Amino acid sequence: MSELDDTPPELALADRQLAEQLDATRPVPSAGFRGALGRRLEALDPGYGPRPHRFRVTVGLLITTGSLLLVLGAFVSFGVL
């Protein structure tokens, strides 16, 4: 795992030391467990494959329909319709 220093620079010295101590004592799963977990997740992957035909058109149509229904609901709630 990479060591990234993500503690904010504006921390006081005591807070920075506490953050470093917590980072050093953070429990990390063993490499064997992480490898086994990765292999299991890969084996359980359903593999959906490529997106359906005309996916963008379908999504655009659904977003447009939902937006129109929201506008219609706003008109009804304000008493315009």
N, C-alpha and C. Protein backbone atom coordinates (compact mmCIF):
# COMPACT_ATOMS: atom_id res chain seq x y z
N MET A 1 0.84 -1.18 0.00
CA MET A 1 0.00 0.00 0.00
C MET A 1 0.88 1.24 0.00
N SER A 2 0.43 2.27 -0.62
CA SER A 2 1.23 3.50 -0.68
C SER A 2 1.02 4.31 0.59
N GLU A 3 2.05 5.00 0.98
CA GLU A 3 2.00 5.86 2.16
C GLU A 3 1.70 7.28 1.70
N LEU A 4 0.49 7.73 1.89
CA LEU A 4 0.11 9.09 1.53
C LEU A 4 -0.08 9.90 2.80
N ASP A 5 0.52 11.07 2.85
CA ASP A 5 0.35 11.96 4.00
C ASP A 5 -0.85 12.85 3.72
N ASP A 6 -2.01 12.43 4.23
CA ASP A 6 -3.22 13.20 3.99
C ASP A 6 -3.65 14.00 5.21
N THR A 7 -2.73 14.21 6.16
CA THR A 7 -3.07 15.04 7.31
C THR A 7 -2.94 16.51 6.92
N PRO A 8 -3.93 17.31 7.30
CA PRO A 8 -3.89 18.73 6.94
C PRO A 8 -2.69 19.43 7.57
N PRO A 9 -2.06 20.37 6.87
CA PRO A 9 -0.87 21.03 7.39
C PRO A 9 -1.17 21.97 8.56
N GLU A 10 -2.43 22.36 8.74
CA GLU A 10 -2.74 23.32 9.81
C GLU A 10 -2.95 22.66 11.17
N LEU A 11 -2.69 21.36 11.29
CA LEU A 11 -2.84 20.68 12.57
C LEU A 11 -1.70 21.07 13.52
N ALA A 12 -2.03 21.10 14.80
CA ALA A 12 -1.01 21.36 15.82
C ALA A 12 -0.07 20.15 15.89
N LEU A 13 1.07 20.35 16.50
CA LEU A 13 2.08 19.29 16.57
C LEU A 13 1.52 18.05 17.26
N ALA A 14 0.80 18.23 18.37
CA ALA A 14 0.25 17.08 19.11
C ALA A 14 -0.77 16.34 18.25
N ASP A 15 -1.60 17.09 17.52
CA ASP A 15 -2.59 16.45 16.66
C ASP A 15 -1.92 15.72 15.50
N ARG A 16 -0.87 16.30 14.96
CA ARG A 16 -0.15 15.66 13.86
C ARG A 16 0.51 14.35 14.35
N GLN A 17 1.09 14.39 15.55
CA GLN A 17 1.70 13.18 16.11
C GLN A 17 0.65 12.10 16.36
N LEU A 18 -0.52 12.51 16.85
CA LEU A 18 -1.60 11.55 17.06
C LEU A 18 -2.05 10.94 15.73
N ALA A 19 -2.16 11.78 14.70
CA ALA A 19 -2.56 11.27 13.38
C ALA A 19 -1.53 10.28 12.86
N GLU A 20 -0.25 10.57 13.03
CA GLU A 20 0.80 9.65 12.58
C GLU A 20 0.77 8.35 13.36
N GLN A 21 0.49 8.44 14.68
CA GLN A 21 0.40 7.23 15.50
C GLN A 21 -0.79 6.37 15.06
N LEU A 22 -1.92 7.01 14.81
CA LEU A 22 -3.10 6.26 14.37
C LEU A 22 -2.87 5.62 13.00
N ASP A 23 -2.18 6.33 12.10
CA ASP A 23 -1.86 5.76 10.80
C ASP A 23 -0.94 4.55 10.94
N ALA A 24 0.02 4.64 11.86
CA ALA A 24 0.99 3.56 12.04
C ALA A 24 0.36 2.32 12.66
N THR A 25 -0.65 2.50 13.51
CA THR A 25 -1.26 1.37 14.19
C THR A 25 -2.57 0.94 13.56
N ARG A 26 -2.90 1.47 12.39
CA ARG A 26 -4.15 1.12 11.71
C ARG A 26 -4.09 -0.33 11.27
N PRO A 27 -5.13 -1.10 11.60
CA PRO A 27 -5.10 -2.50 11.18
C PRO A 27 -5.29 -2.62 9.67
N VAL A 28 -4.47 -3.43 9.05
CA VAL A 28 -4.52 -3.66 7.60
C VAL A 28 -4.61 -5.17 7.39
N PRO A 29 -5.55 -5.63 6.58
CA PRO A 29 -5.64 -7.07 6.32
C PRO A 29 -4.35 -7.59 5.69
N SER A 30 -4.06 -8.85 5.96
CA SER A 30 -2.83 -9.44 5.41
C SER A 30 -2.92 -9.54 3.89
N ALA A 31 -1.76 -9.69 3.27
CA ALA A 31 -1.70 -9.79 1.81
C ALA A 31 -2.44 -11.02 1.33
N GLY A 32 -2.37 -12.11 2.07
CA GLY A 32 -3.07 -13.33 1.67
C GLY A 32 -4.58 -13.13 1.67
N PHE A 33 -5.09 -12.44 2.68
CA PHE A 33 -6.52 -12.17 2.74
C PHE A 33 -6.96 -11.26 1.59
N ARG A 34 -6.18 -10.21 1.34
CA ARG A 34 -6.53 -9.29 0.26
C ARG A 34 -6.51 -10.00 -1.09
N GLY A 35 -5.53 -10.88 -1.30
CA GLY A 35 -5.46 -11.63 -2.55
C GLY A 35 -6.64 -12.58 -2.71
N ALA A 36 -6.98 -13.28 -1.62
CA ALA A 36 -8.12 -14.20 -1.67
C ALA A 36 -9.42 -13.44 -1.91
N LEU A 37 -9.55 -12.30 -1.27
CA LEU A 37 -10.76 -11.49 -1.47
C LEU A 37 -10.85 -11.02 -2.92
N GLY A 38 -9.75 -10.57 -3.49
CA GLY A 38 -9.76 -10.13 -4.88
C GLY A 38 -10.13 -11.26 -5.84
N ARG A 39 -9.59 -12.44 -5.59
CA ARG A 39 -9.92 -13.59 -6.45
C ARG A 39 -11.39 -13.97 -6.30
N ARG A 40 -11.92 -13.91 -5.08
CA ARG A 40 -13.33 -14.25 -4.86
C ARG A 40 -14.25 -13.25 -5.54
N LEU A 41 -13.93 -11.97 -5.40
CA LEU A 41 -14.77 -10.95 -6.05
C LEU A 41 -14.72 -11.08 -7.56
N GLU A 42 -13.57 -11.42 -8.09
CA GLU A 42 -13.45 -11.61 -9.54
C GLU A 42 -14.26 -12.83 -9.99
N ALA A 43 -14.27 -13.88 -9.17
CA ALA A 43 -15.03 -15.08 -9.52
C ALA A 43 -16.53 -14.82 -9.45
N LEU A 44 -16.97 -13.95 -8.53
CA LEU A 44 -18.39 -13.65 -8.38
C LEU A 44 -18.89 -12.58 -9.35
N ASP A 45 -17.97 -11.97 -10.09
CA ASP A 45 -18.34 -10.90 -11.02
C ASP A 45 -19.29 -11.45 -12.08
N PRO A 46 -20.50 -10.85 -12.22
CA PRO A 46 -21.45 -11.37 -13.19
C PRO A 46 -21.05 -11.11 -14.63
N GLY A 47 -20.14 -10.19 -14.87
CA GLY A 47 -19.67 -9.93 -16.22
C GLY A 47 -20.78 -9.45 -17.14
N TYR A 48 -21.33 -8.31 -16.84
CA TYR A 48 -22.47 -7.81 -17.61
C TYR A 48 -22.12 -7.51 -19.06
N GLY A 49 -20.88 -7.29 -19.35
CA GLY A 49 -20.48 -7.06 -20.73
C GLY A 49 -20.76 -5.64 -21.18
N PRO A 50 -20.86 -5.45 -22.50
CA PRO A 50 -21.05 -4.10 -23.04
C PRO A 50 -22.45 -3.56 -22.73
N ARG A 51 -22.55 -2.26 -22.85
CA ARG A 51 -23.84 -1.62 -22.59
C ARG A 51 -24.84 -1.98 -23.68
N PRO A 52 -26.13 -1.90 -23.35
CA PRO A 52 -27.16 -2.22 -24.34
C PRO A 52 -27.13 -1.26 -25.52
N HIS A 53 -27.72 -1.70 -26.61
CA HIS A 53 -27.83 -0.90 -27.81
C HIS A 53 -28.67 0.35 -27.51
N ARG A 54 -28.26 1.50 -28.01
CA ARG A 54 -28.96 2.78 -27.84
C ARG A 54 -29.10 3.17 -26.36
N PHE A 55 -28.07 2.89 -25.59
CA PHE A 55 -28.09 3.17 -24.15
C PHE A 55 -28.23 4.67 -23.88
N ARG A 56 -27.46 5.49 -24.57
CA ARG A 56 -27.51 6.93 -24.34
C ARG A 56 -28.87 7.51 -24.71
N VAL A 57 -29.48 7.01 -25.77
CA VAL A 57 -30.80 7.49 -26.18
C VAL A 57 -31.83 7.14 -25.11
N THR A 58 -31.76 5.93 -24.60
CA THR A 58 -32.71 5.51 -23.56
C THR A 58 -32.54 6.33 -22.29
N VAL A 59 -31.31 6.55 -21.87
CA VAL A 59 -31.06 7.35 -20.67
C VAL A 59 -31.52 8.78 -20.88
N GLY A 60 -31.23 9.35 -22.04
CA GLY A 60 -31.68 10.71 -22.33
C GLY A 60 -33.19 10.83 -22.31
N LEU A 61 -33.87 9.84 -22.87
CA LEU A 61 -35.33 9.85 -22.88
C LEU A 61 -35.89 9.76 -21.45
N LEU A 62 -35.29 8.92 -20.63
CA LEU A 62 -35.76 8.79 -19.24
C LEU A 62 -35.50 10.07 -18.44
N ILE A 63 -34.37 10.70 -18.64
CA ILE A 63 -34.07 11.96 -17.94
C ILE A 63 -35.02 13.06 -18.40
N THR A 64 -35.29 13.14 -19.69
CA THR A 64 -36.21 14.15 -20.21
C THR A 64 -37.62 13.93 -19.67
N THR A 65 -38.08 12.69 -19.67
CA THR A 65 -39.40 12.38 -19.15
C THR A 65 -39.50 12.73 -17.66
N GLY A 66 -38.51 12.38 -16.90
CA GLY A 66 -38.51 12.72 -15.48
C GLY A 66 -38.51 14.21 -15.23
N SER A 67 -37.74 14.94 -16.03
CA SER A 67 -37.70 16.41 -15.88
C SER A 67 -39.05 17.02 -16.21
N LEU A 68 -39.68 16.53 -17.27
CA LEU A 68 -41.00 17.05 -17.64
C LEU A 68 -42.03 16.76 -16.55
N LEU A 69 -41.94 15.59 -15.94
CA LEU A 69 -42.86 15.28 -14.85
C LEU A 69 -42.61 16.17 -13.63
N LEU A 70 -41.35 16.50 -13.36
CA LEU A 70 -41.05 17.42 -12.26
C LEU A 70 -41.61 18.81 -12.54
N VAL A 71 -41.47 19.27 -13.77
CA VAL A 71 -42.01 20.59 -14.13
C VAL A 71 -43.53 20.57 -14.03
N LEU A 72 -44.17 19.51 -14.51
CA LEU A 72 -45.62 19.39 -14.41
C LEU A 72 -46.06 19.38 -12.95
N GLY A 73 -45.33 18.68 -12.10
CA GLY A 73 -45.65 18.65 -10.67
C GLY A 73 -45.48 20.03 -10.04
N ALA A 74 -44.49 20.78 -10.47
CA ALA A 74 -44.29 22.14 -9.94
C ALA A 74 -45.45 23.04 -10.37
N PHE A 75 -45.88 22.93 -11.62
CA PHE A 75 -47.02 23.72 -12.09
C PHE A 75 -48.28 23.40 -11.30
N VAL A 76 -48.51 22.12 -11.04
CA VAL A 76 -49.70 21.71 -10.28
C VAL A 76 -49.61 22.23 -8.86
N SER A 77 -48.44 22.18 -8.24
CA SER A 77 -48.32 22.61 -6.86
C SER A 77 -48.47 24.13 -6.72
N PHE A 78 -48.10 24.88 -7.76
CA PHE A 78 -48.26 26.35 -7.71
C PHE A 78 -49.64 26.78 -8.19
N GLY A 79 -50.45 25.86 -8.64
CA GLY A 79 -51.81 26.18 -9.06
C GLY A 79 -51.90 26.73 -10.47
N VAL A 80 -50.86 26.60 -11.25
CA VAL A 80 -50.89 27.09 -12.62
C VAL A 80 -51.79 26.19 -13.47
N LEU A 81 -51.79 24.91 -13.21
CA LEU A 81 -52.63 23.97 -13.96
C LEU A 81 -53.75 23.46 -13.09
